[in-house]
């Protein structure tokens, strides 16, 4: 992942990869000490956890014992 991020920050990858990551200074308009860092988007994992719980609840008991 480090090599990939290096290549993105130095524009060594094809243009299709350039819009995947955004710098903090493109997300908001005020100066911070982290404005030149890549922006980390928060992901709501509650939906994923609910889907995983429903999946595990629907599995037969003998399969659950094998994991």
PDB file of N, CA and C in Angstrom:
ATOM      1  N   UNK A   1       0.823  -1.182   0.000  1.00  0.00           N
ATOM      2  CA  UNK A   1       0.000   0.000   0.000  1.00  0.00           C
ATOM      3  C   UNK A   1       0.874   1.255   0.000  1.00  0.00           C
ATOM      4  N   UNK A   2       2.010   1.192   0.676  1.00  0.00           N
ATOM      5  CA  UNK A   2       2.905   2.337   0.722  1.00  0.00           C
ATOM      6  C   UNK A   2       3.441   2.719  -0.641  1.00  0.00           C
ATOM      7  N   UNK A   3       3.807   1.724  -1.437  1.00  0.00           N
ATOM      8  CA  UNK A   3       4.324   1.988  -2.792  1.00  0.00           C
ATOM      9  C   UNK A   3       3.226   2.597  -3.650  1.00  0.00           C
ATOM     10  N   UNK A   4       2.009   2.073  -3.506  1.00  0.00           N
ATOM     11  CA  UNK A   4       0.873   2.597  -4.262  1.00  0.00           C
ATOM     12  C   UNK A   4       0.626   4.070  -3.909  1.00  0.00           C
ATOM     13  N   UNK A   5       0.645   4.400  -2.617  1.00  0.00           N
ATOM     14  CA  UNK A   5       0.429   5.783  -2.197  1.00  0.00           C
ATOM     15  C   UNK A   5       1.564   6.694  -2.669  1.00  0.00           C
ATOM     16  N   UNK A   6       2.794   6.190  -2.656  1.00  0.00           N
ATOM     17  CA  UNK A   6       3.921   6.967  -3.166  1.00  0.00           C
ATOM     18  C   UNK A   6       3.710   7.292  -4.635  1.00  0.00           C
ATOM     19  N   UNK A   7       3.298   6.293  -5.403  1.00  0.00           N
ATOM     20  CA  UNK A   7       3.087   6.511  -6.837  1.00  0.00           C
ATOM     21  C   UNK A   7       1.930   7.467  -7.099  1.00  0.00           C
ATOM     22  N   UNK A   8       0.892   7.412  -6.262  1.00  0.00           N
ATOM     23  CA  UNK A   8      -0.217   8.356  -6.426  1.00  0.00           C
ATOM     24  C   UNK A   8       0.250   9.769  -6.117  1.00  0.00           C
ATOM     25  N   UNK A   9       0.971   9.944  -5.010  1.00  0.00           N
ATOM     26  CA  UNK A   9       1.375  11.300  -4.618  1.00  0.00           C
ATOM     27  C   UNK A   9       2.384  11.906  -5.577  1.00  0.00           C
ATOM     28  N   UNK A  10       3.109  11.079  -6.316  1.00  0.00           N
ATOM     29  CA  UNK A  10       4.073  11.589  -7.297  1.00  0.00           C
ATOM     30  C   UNK A  10       3.565  11.455  -8.737  1.00  0.00           C
ATOM     31  N   UNK A  11       2.272  11.166  -8.873  1.00  0.00           N
ATOM     32  CA  UNK A  11       1.589  11.069 -10.171  1.00  0.00           C
ATOM     33  C   UNK A  11       2.299  10.110 -11.124  1.00  0.00           C
ATOM     34  N   UNK A  12       2.665   8.938 -10.607  1.00  0.00           N
ATOM     35  CA  UNK A  12       3.336   7.917 -11.410  1.00  0.00           C
ATOM     36  C   UNK A  12       2.386   6.830 -11.894  1.00  0.00           C
ATOM     37  N   UNK A  13       1.106   6.963 -11.557  1.00  0.00           N
ATOM     38  CA  UNK A  13       0.093   5.996 -11.978  1.00  0.00           C
ATOM     39  C   UNK A  13      -0.796   6.615 -13.047  1.00  0.00           C
ATOM     40  N   UNK A  14      -1.525   5.792 -13.790  1.00  0.00           N
ATOM     41  CA  UNK A  14      -2.445   6.327 -14.797  1.00  0.00           C
ATOM     42  C   UNK A  14      -3.483   7.270 -14.160  1.00  0.00           C
ATOM     43  N   UNK A  15      -4.027   8.183 -14.944  1.00  0.00           N
ATOM     44  CA  UNK A  15      -4.981   9.178 -14.428  1.00  0.00           C
ATOM     45  C   UNK A  15      -6.206   8.584 -13.730  1.00  0.00           C
ATOM     46  N   UNK A  16      -6.584   7.367 -14.084  1.00  0.00           N
ATOM     47  CA  UNK A  16      -7.774   6.769 -13.459  1.00  0.00           C
ATOM     48  C   UNK A  16      -7.614   6.591 -11.951  1.00  0.00           C
ATOM     49  N   UNK A  17      -6.386   6.546 -11.443  1.00  0.00           N
ATOM     50  CA  UNK A  17      -6.143   6.375 -10.017  1.00  0.00           C
ATOM     51  C   UNK A  17      -6.016   7.698  -9.265  1.00  0.00           C
ATOM     52  N   UNK A  18      -5.916   8.805  -9.964  1.00  0.00           N
ATOM     53  CA  UNK A  18      -5.640  10.086  -9.322  1.00  0.00           C
ATOM     54  C   UNK A  18      -6.803  10.614  -8.484  1.00  0.00           C
ATOM     55  N   UNK A  19      -8.023  10.184  -8.745  1.00  0.00           N
ATOM     56  CA  UNK A  19      -9.179  10.701  -8.017  1.00  0.00           C
ATOM     57  C   UNK A  19      -9.642   9.786  -6.894  1.00  0.00           C
ATOM     58  N   UNK A  20      -8.871   8.762  -6.580  1.00  0.00           N
ATOM     59  CA  UNK A  20      -9.271   7.844  -5.510  1.00  0.00           C
ATOM     60  C   UNK A  20      -9.081   8.485  -4.143  1.00  0.00           C
ATOM     61  N   UNK A  21      -7.972   9.166  -3.935  1.00  0.00           N
ATOM     62  CA  UNK A  21      -7.649   9.765  -2.650  1.00  0.00           C
ATOM     63  C   UNK A  21      -7.643  11.282  -2.777  1.00  0.00           C
ATOM     64  N   UNK A  22      -8.054  11.957  -1.699  1.00  0.00           N
ATOM     65  CA  UNK A  22      -8.099  13.417  -1.690  1.00  0.00           C
ATOM     66  C   UNK A  22      -7.312  13.944  -0.508  1.00  0.00           C
ATOM     67  N   UNK A  23      -6.664  15.081  -0.697  1.00  0.00           N
ATOM     68  CA  UNK A  23      -5.965  15.729   0.403  1.00  0.00           C
ATOM     69  C   UNK A  23      -6.967  16.468   1.286  1.00  0.00           C
ATOM     70  N   UNK A  24      -6.620  16.631   2.541  1.00  0.00           N
ATOM     71  CA  UNK A  24      -7.505  17.337   3.473  1.00  0.00           C
ATOM     72  C   UNK A  24      -7.825  18.744   2.998  1.00  0.00           C
ATOM     73  N   UNK A  25      -6.877  19.417   2.360  1.00  0.00           N
ATOM     74  CA  UNK A  25      -7.128  20.801   1.933  1.00  0.00           C
ATOM     75  C   UNK A  25      -8.135  20.894   0.790  1.00  0.00           C
ATOM     76  N   UNK A  26      -8.478  19.775   0.160  1.00  0.00           N
ATOM     77  CA  UNK A  26      -9.526  19.784  -0.857  1.00  0.00           C
ATOM     78  C   UNK A  26     -10.895  19.477  -0.262  1.00  0.00           C
ATOM     79  N   UNK A  27     -10.910  18.982   0.977  1.00  0.00           N
ATOM     80  CA  UNK A  27     -12.170  18.626   1.633  1.00  0.00           C
ATOM     81  C   UNK A  27     -12.743  19.820   2.387  1.00  0.00           C
ATOM     82  N   UNK A  28     -11.901  20.620   3.032  1.00  0.00           N
ATOM     83  CA  UNK A  28     -12.346  21.818   3.739  1.00  0.00           C
ATOM     84  C   UNK A  28     -11.415  22.981   3.415  1.00  0.00           C
ATOM     85  N   UNK A  29     -11.886  24.190   3.667  1.00  0.00           N
ATOM     86  CA  UNK A  29     -11.175  25.384   3.220  1.00  0.00           C
ATOM     87  C   UNK A  29     -10.347  26.082   4.288  1.00  0.00           C
ATOM     88  N   UNK A  30     -10.127  25.466   5.433  1.00  0.00           N
ATOM     89  CA  UNK A  30      -9.335  26.131   6.459  1.00  0.00           C
ATOM     90  C   UNK A  30      -8.007  25.414   6.651  1.00  0.00           C
ATOM     91  N   UNK A  31      -7.009  26.162   7.043  1.00  0.00           N
ATOM     92  CA  UNK A  31      -5.659  25.625   7.194  1.00  0.00           C
ATOM     93  C   UNK A  31      -5.517  24.867   8.512  1.00  0.00           C
ATOM     94  N   UNK A  32      -4.982  23.681   8.426  1.00  0.00           N
ATOM     95  CA  UNK A  32      -4.659  22.902   9.617  1.00  0.00           C
ATOM     96  C   UNK A  32      -3.270  22.317   9.409  1.00  0.00           C
ATOM     97  N   UNK A  33      -2.689  21.773  10.455  1.00  0.00           N
ATOM     98  CA  UNK A  33      -1.360  21.184  10.295  1.00  0.00           C
ATOM     99  C   UNK A  33      -1.406  19.881   9.502  1.00  0.00           C
ATOM    100  N   UNK A  34      -2.612  19.346   9.297  1.00  0.00           N
ATOM    101  CA  UNK A  34      -2.761  18.103   8.534  1.00  0.00           C
ATOM    102  C   UNK A  34      -3.370  18.343   7.152  1.00  0.00           C
ATOM    103  N   UNK A  35      -3.372  19.579   6.694  1.00  0.00           N
ATOM    104  CA  UNK A  35      -4.045  19.890   5.432  1.00  0.00           C
ATOM    105  C   UNK A  35      -3.387  19.237   4.224  1.00  0.00           C
ATOM    106  N   UNK A  36      -2.124  18.861   4.326  1.00  0.00           N
ATOM    107  CA  UNK A  36      -1.436  18.204   3.215  1.00  0.00           C
ATOM    108  C   UNK A  36      -1.480  16.679   3.311  1.00  0.00           C
ATOM    109  N   UNK A  37      -2.131  16.145   4.337  1.00  0.00           N
ATOM    110  CA  UNK A  37      -2.284  14.692   4.480  1.00  0.00           C
ATOM    111  C   UNK A  37      -3.493  14.228   3.681  1.00  0.00           C
ATOM    112  N   UNK A  38      -3.539  12.948   3.404  1.00  0.00           N
ATOM    113  CA  UNK A  38      -4.694  12.392   2.715  1.00  0.00           C
ATOM    114  C   UNK A  38      -5.873  12.313   3.665  1.00  0.00           C
ATOM    115  N   UNK A  39      -7.056  12.607   3.147  1.00  0.00           N
ATOM    116  CA  UNK A  39      -8.262  12.612   3.956  1.00  0.00           C
ATOM    117  C   UNK A  39      -8.715  11.184   4.224  1.00  0.00           C
ATOM    118  N   UNK A  40      -9.038  10.883   5.474  1.00  0.00           N
ATOM    119  CA  UNK A  40      -9.553   9.568   5.849  1.00  0.00           C
ATOM    120  C   UNK A  40     -11.060   9.679   6.023  1.00  0.00           C
ATOM    121  N   UNK A  41     -11.788   8.992   5.168  1.00  0.00           N
ATOM    122  CA  UNK A  41     -13.243   9.017   5.252  1.00  0.00           C
ATOM    123  C   UNK A  41     -13.704   8.015   6.298  1.00  0.00           C
ATOM    124  N   UNK A  42     -14.680   8.417   7.091  1.00  0.00           N
ATOM    125  CA  UNK A  42     -15.245   7.511   8.087  1.00  0.00           C
ATOM    126  C   UNK A  42     -16.295   6.635   7.423  1.00  0.00           C
ATOM    127  N   UNK A  43     -16.285   5.369   7.805  1.00  0.00           N
ATOM    128  CA  UNK A  43     -17.221   4.408   7.238  1.00  0.00           C
ATOM    129  C   UNK A  43     -18.141   3.919   8.341  1.00  0.00           C
ATOM    130  N   UNK A  44     -19.427   3.900   8.048  1.00  0.00           N
ATOM    131  CA  UNK A  44     -20.389   3.394   9.017  1.00  0.00           C
ATOM    132  C   UNK A  44     -20.391   1.873   8.936  1.00  0.00           C
ATOM    133  N   UNK A  45     -19.852   1.218   9.957  1.00  0.00           N
ATOM    134  CA  UNK A  45     -19.741  -0.239   9.933  1.00  0.00           C
ATOM    135  C   UNK A  45     -20.931  -0.931  10.570  1.00  0.00           C
ATOM    136  N   UNK A  46     -21.880  -0.167  11.109  1.00  0.00           N
ATOM    137  CA  UNK A  46     -23.042  -0.790  11.732  1.00  0.00           C
ATOM    138  C   UNK A  46     -23.823  -1.640  10.740  1.00  0.00           C
ATOM    139  N   UNK A  47     -23.967  -1.166   9.508  1.00  0.00           N
ATOM    140  CA  UNK A  47     -24.698  -1.920   8.491  1.00  0.00           C
ATOM    141  C   UNK A  47     -23.976  -3.229   8.191  1.00  0.00           C
ATOM    142  N   UNK A  48     -22.658  -3.188   8.057  1.00  0.00           N
ATOM    143  CA  UNK A  48     -21.886  -4.399   7.793  1.00  0.00           C
ATOM    144  C   UNK A  48     -22.005  -5.380   8.939  1.00  0.00           C
ATOM    145  N   UNK A  49     -21.947  -4.883  10.168  1.00  0.00           N
ATOM    146  CA  UNK A  49     -22.061  -5.756  11.328  1.00  0.00           C
ATOM    147  C   UNK A  49     -23.434  -6.402  11.391  1.00  0.00           C
ATOM    148  N   UNK A  50     -24.476  -5.661  11.042  1.00  0.00           N
ATOM    149  CA  UNK A  50     -25.825  -6.217  11.058  1.00  0.00           C
ATOM    150  C   UNK A  50     -25.972  -7.311  10.008  1.00  0.00           C
ATOM    151  N   UNK A  51     -25.413  -7.091   8.819  1.00  0.00           N
ATOM    152  CA  UNK A  51     -25.496  -8.103   7.768  1.00  0.00           C
ATOM    153  C   UNK A  51     -24.740  -9.362   8.164  1.00  0.00           C
ATOM    154  N   UNK A  52     -23.564  -9.198   8.772  1.00  0.00           N
ATOM    155  CA  UNK A  52     -22.786 -10.355   9.201  1.00  0.00           C
ATOM    156  C   UNK A  52     -23.526 -11.120  10.291  1.00  0.00           C
ATOM    157  N   UNK A  53     -24.187 -10.414  11.205  1.00  0.00           N
ATOM    158  CA  UNK A  53     -24.938 -11.080  12.273  1.00  0.00           C
ATOM    159  C   UNK A  53     -26.111 -11.857  11.685  1.00  0.00           C
ATOM    160  N   UNK A  54     -26.835 -11.263  10.738  1.00  0.00           N
ATOM    161  CA  UNK A  54     -27.959 -11.972  10.111  1.00  0.00           C
ATOM    162  C   UNK A  54     -27.466 -13.203   9.365  1.00  0.00           C
ATOM    163  N   UNK A  55     -26.320 -13.085   8.710  1.00  0.00           N
ATOM    164  CA  UNK A  55     -25.773 -14.229   7.993  1.00  0.00           C
ATOM    165  C   UNK A  55     -25.409 -15.336   8.963  1.00  0.00           C
ATOM    166  N   UNK A  56     -24.736 -14.995  10.049  1.00  0.00           N
ATOM    167  CA  UNK A  56     -24.349 -16.026  11.010  1.00  0.00           C
ATOM    168  C   UNK A  56     -25.568 -16.620  11.703  1.00  0.00           C
ATOM    169  N   UNK A  57     -26.618 -15.831  11.894  1.00  0.00           N
ATOM    170  CA  UNK A  57     -27.845 -16.358  12.501  1.00  0.00           C
ATOM    171  C   UNK A  57     -28.566 -17.318  11.573  1.00  0.00           C
ATOM    172  N   UNK A  58     -28.377 -17.171  10.271  1.00  0.00           N
ATOM    173  CA  UNK A  58     -29.089 -18.024   9.320  1.00  0.00           C
ATOM    174  C   UNK A  58     -28.341 -19.319   9.005  1.00  0.00           C
ATOM    175  N   UNK A  59     -27.082 -19.437   9.447  1.00  0.00           N
ATOM    176  CA  UNK A  59     -26.320 -20.651   9.176  1.00  0.00           C
ATOM    177  C   UNK A  59     -26.761 -21.788  10.091  1.00  0.00           C
ATOM    178  N   UNK A  60     -26.733 -23.012   9.568  1.00  0.00           N
ATOM    179  CA  UNK A  60     -27.055 -24.157  10.414  1.00  0.00           C
ATOM    180  C   UNK A  60     -26.055 -24.293  11.562  1.00  0.00           C
ATOM    181  N   UNK A  61     -26.517 -24.849  12.659  1.00  0.00           N
ATOM    182  CA  UNK A  61     -25.711 -24.947  13.866  1.00  0.00           C
ATOM    183  C   UNK A  61     -24.434 -25.753  13.646  1.00  0.00           C
ATOM    184  N   UNK A  62     -24.493 -26.827  12.859  1.00  0.00           N
ATOM    185  CA  UNK A  62     -23.299 -27.665  12.639  1.00  0.00           C
ATOM    186  C   UNK A  62     -22.205 -26.901  11.872  1.00  0.00           C
ATOM    187  N   UNK A  63     -22.572 -25.976  11.021  1.00  0.00           N
ATOM    188  CA  UNK A  63     -21.577 -25.167  10.304  1.00  0.00           C
ATOM    189  C   UNK A  63     -20.941 -24.166  11.273  1.00  0.00           C
ATOM    190  N   UNK A  64     -21.750 -23.590  12.152  1.00  0.00           N
ATOM    191  CA  UNK A  64     -21.222 -22.642  13.130  1.00  0.00           C
ATOM    192  C   UNK A  64     -20.208 -23.303  14.063  1.00  0.00           C
ATOM    193  N   UNK A  65     -20.414 -24.582  14.384  1.00  0.00           N
ATOM    194  CA  UNK A  65     -19.491 -25.297  15.265  1.00  0.00           C
ATOM    195  C   UNK A  65     -18.139 -25.521  14.602  1.00  0.00           C
ATOM    196  N   UNK A  66     -18.088 -25.563  13.271  1.00  0.00           N
ATOM    197  CA  UNK A  66     -16.838 -25.839  12.557  1.00  0.00           C
ATOM    198  C   UNK A  66     -15.920 -24.621  12.508  1.00  0.00           C
ATOM    199  N   UNK A  67     -16.459 -23.430  12.754  1.00  0.00           N
ATOM    200  CA  UNK A  67     -15.620 -22.225  12.642  1.00  0.00           C
ATOM    201  C   UNK A  67     -14.956 -21.877  13.941  1.00  0.00           C
TER     202      UNK A  67
END
